[in-house]
Amino acid sequence: MSGLFQRLVQRPGTTIPFTIDGDPAEARAGDLLIAAILLHRRALRRFEFGPGERAGYCLMGACQDCWVELADGRRMRACTTPVEPGMAVVTGGVDG
């Protein structure tokens, strides 16, 4: 993994498969979506008002910076949403 976050201690629990822009990824049971994405990528999504990438700001659900979209069209806060099996995250072209 070459993301912004790194696990310091291996988290127990089952492995949960999901995808980021069609690429397979995995998280651990209980991981929030923001952590799971940032373990694999350096950013959550593209900035919608200019060139740049966003990686979340407050990381606790107060700032509105961590909204991500799923392939089925749902939008959710990555910092307050647990990863579910089969989630398909669409980042808007963030490079891995």
Protein backbone atom coordinates (compact mmCIF):
# COMPACT_ATOMS: atom_id res chain seq x y z
CA MET A 1 0.00 0.00 0.00
CA SER A 2 1.23 3.47 -0.78
CA GLY A 3 -1.40 5.67 0.77
CA LEU A 4 -1.25 8.73 2.97
CA PHE A 5 -2.01 6.65 6.09
CA GLN A 6 -0.01 3.69 7.36
CA ARG A 7 -1.18 1.12 9.91
CA LEU A 8 1.14 1.06 12.89
CA VAL A 9 -0.46 -2.05 14.35
CA GLN A 10 -2.32 -4.72 12.43
CA ARG A 11 -6.02 -4.42 13.26
CA PRO A 12 -7.83 -7.66 14.10
CA GLY A 13 -11.06 -8.56 12.37
CA THR A 14 -12.26 -9.85 9.08
CA THR A 15 -11.03 -8.44 5.78
CA ILE A 16 -13.60 -6.45 3.82
CA PRO A 17 -13.16 -6.17 0.04
CA PHE A 18 -14.14 -2.94 -1.72
CA THR A 19 -12.95 -1.03 -4.79
CA ILE A 20 -11.51 2.42 -5.45
CA ASP A 21 -12.04 3.50 -9.06
CA GLY A 22 -12.40 -0.16 -9.99
CA ASP A 23 -9.13 -1.19 -8.33
CA PRO A 24 -9.47 -3.87 -5.64
CA ALA A 25 -8.79 -2.73 -2.09
CA GLU A 26 -9.39 -4.13 1.35
CA ALA A 27 -10.18 -2.85 4.81
CA ARG A 28 -10.67 -4.41 8.22
CA ALA A 29 -14.02 -4.79 9.94
CA GLY A 30 -14.72 -1.55 11.77
CA ASP A 31 -12.55 0.65 9.53
CA LEU A 32 -14.10 3.93 8.48
CA LEU A 33 -14.12 4.64 4.77
CA ILE A 34 -11.70 7.58 5.06
CA ALA A 35 -9.03 5.40 6.69
CA ALA A 36 -9.58 2.55 4.25
CA ILE A 37 -9.20 4.85 1.24
CA LEU A 38 -6.19 6.73 2.62
CA LEU A 39 -4.42 3.47 3.37
CA HIS A 40 -4.49 2.86 -0.41
CA ARG A 41 -4.43 6.39 -1.87
CA ARG A 42 -2.89 9.74 -1.03
CA ALA A 43 -6.22 11.56 -1.42
CA LEU A 44 -9.94 10.92 -1.07
CA ARG A 45 -11.16 12.76 -4.14
CA ARG A 46 -10.52 15.55 -6.62
CA PHE A 47 -11.34 19.09 -5.55
CA GLU A 48 -14.52 20.06 -7.39
CA PHE A 49 -13.65 23.78 -7.74
CA GLY A 50 -10.13 23.64 -9.12
CA PRO A 51 -7.07 21.51 -9.69
CA GLY A 52 -6.11 19.57 -6.64
CA GLU A 53 -7.00 16.70 -4.39
CA ARG A 54 -8.71 16.51 -1.04
CA ALA A 55 -7.77 14.16 1.80
CA GLY A 56 -10.26 15.26 4.42
CA TYR A 57 -9.74 18.07 6.89
CA CYS A 58 -11.11 17.51 10.38
CA LEU A 59 -11.46 13.69 10.13
CA MET A 60 -14.40 13.74 12.58
CA GLY A 61 -17.50 14.68 10.58
CA ALA A 62 -17.61 18.43 11.19
CA CYS A 63 -16.08 20.06 8.10
CA GLN A 64 -17.88 18.50 5.08
CA ASP A 65 -14.54 17.90 3.28
CA CYS A 66 -14.70 14.10 3.14
CA TRP A 67 -17.78 13.55 0.99
CA VAL A 68 -17.18 10.72 -1.48
CA GLU A 69 -19.34 9.13 -4.13
CA LEU A 70 -20.07 5.47 -4.67
CA ALA A 71 -20.60 3.92 -8.10
CA ASP A 72 -24.33 3.55 -7.35
CA GLY A 73 -24.63 7.35 -7.00
CA ARG A 74 -24.81 7.58 -3.22
CA ARG A 75 -22.75 10.31 -1.54
CA MET A 76 -21.51 9.86 1.99
CA ARG A 77 -19.07 11.20 4.53
CA ALA A 78 -16.01 8.98 4.46
CA CYS A 79 -15.04 9.93 8.01
CA THR A 80 -18.25 8.65 9.61
CA THR A 81 -19.14 5.72 7.32
CA PRO A 82 -17.90 2.19 8.06
CA VAL A 83 -16.63 0.23 5.07
CA GLU A 84 -19.11 -2.34 3.78
CA PRO A 85 -18.28 -5.34 1.59
CA GLY A 86 -18.48 -4.50 -2.09
CA MET A 87 -18.48 -0.70 -1.75
CA ALA A 88 -17.33 0.85 -5.03
CA VAL A 89 -15.76 4.26 -4.35
CA VAL A 90 -15.35 6.75 -7.22
CA THR A 91 -12.69 9.39 -6.53
CA GLY A 92 -12.97 11.49 -9.66
CA GLY A 93 -9.57 10.56 -10.98
CA VAL A 94 -7.25 10.69 -7.97
CA ASP A 95 -4.03 8.86 -8.79
CA GLY A 96 -3.06 5.93 -6.61
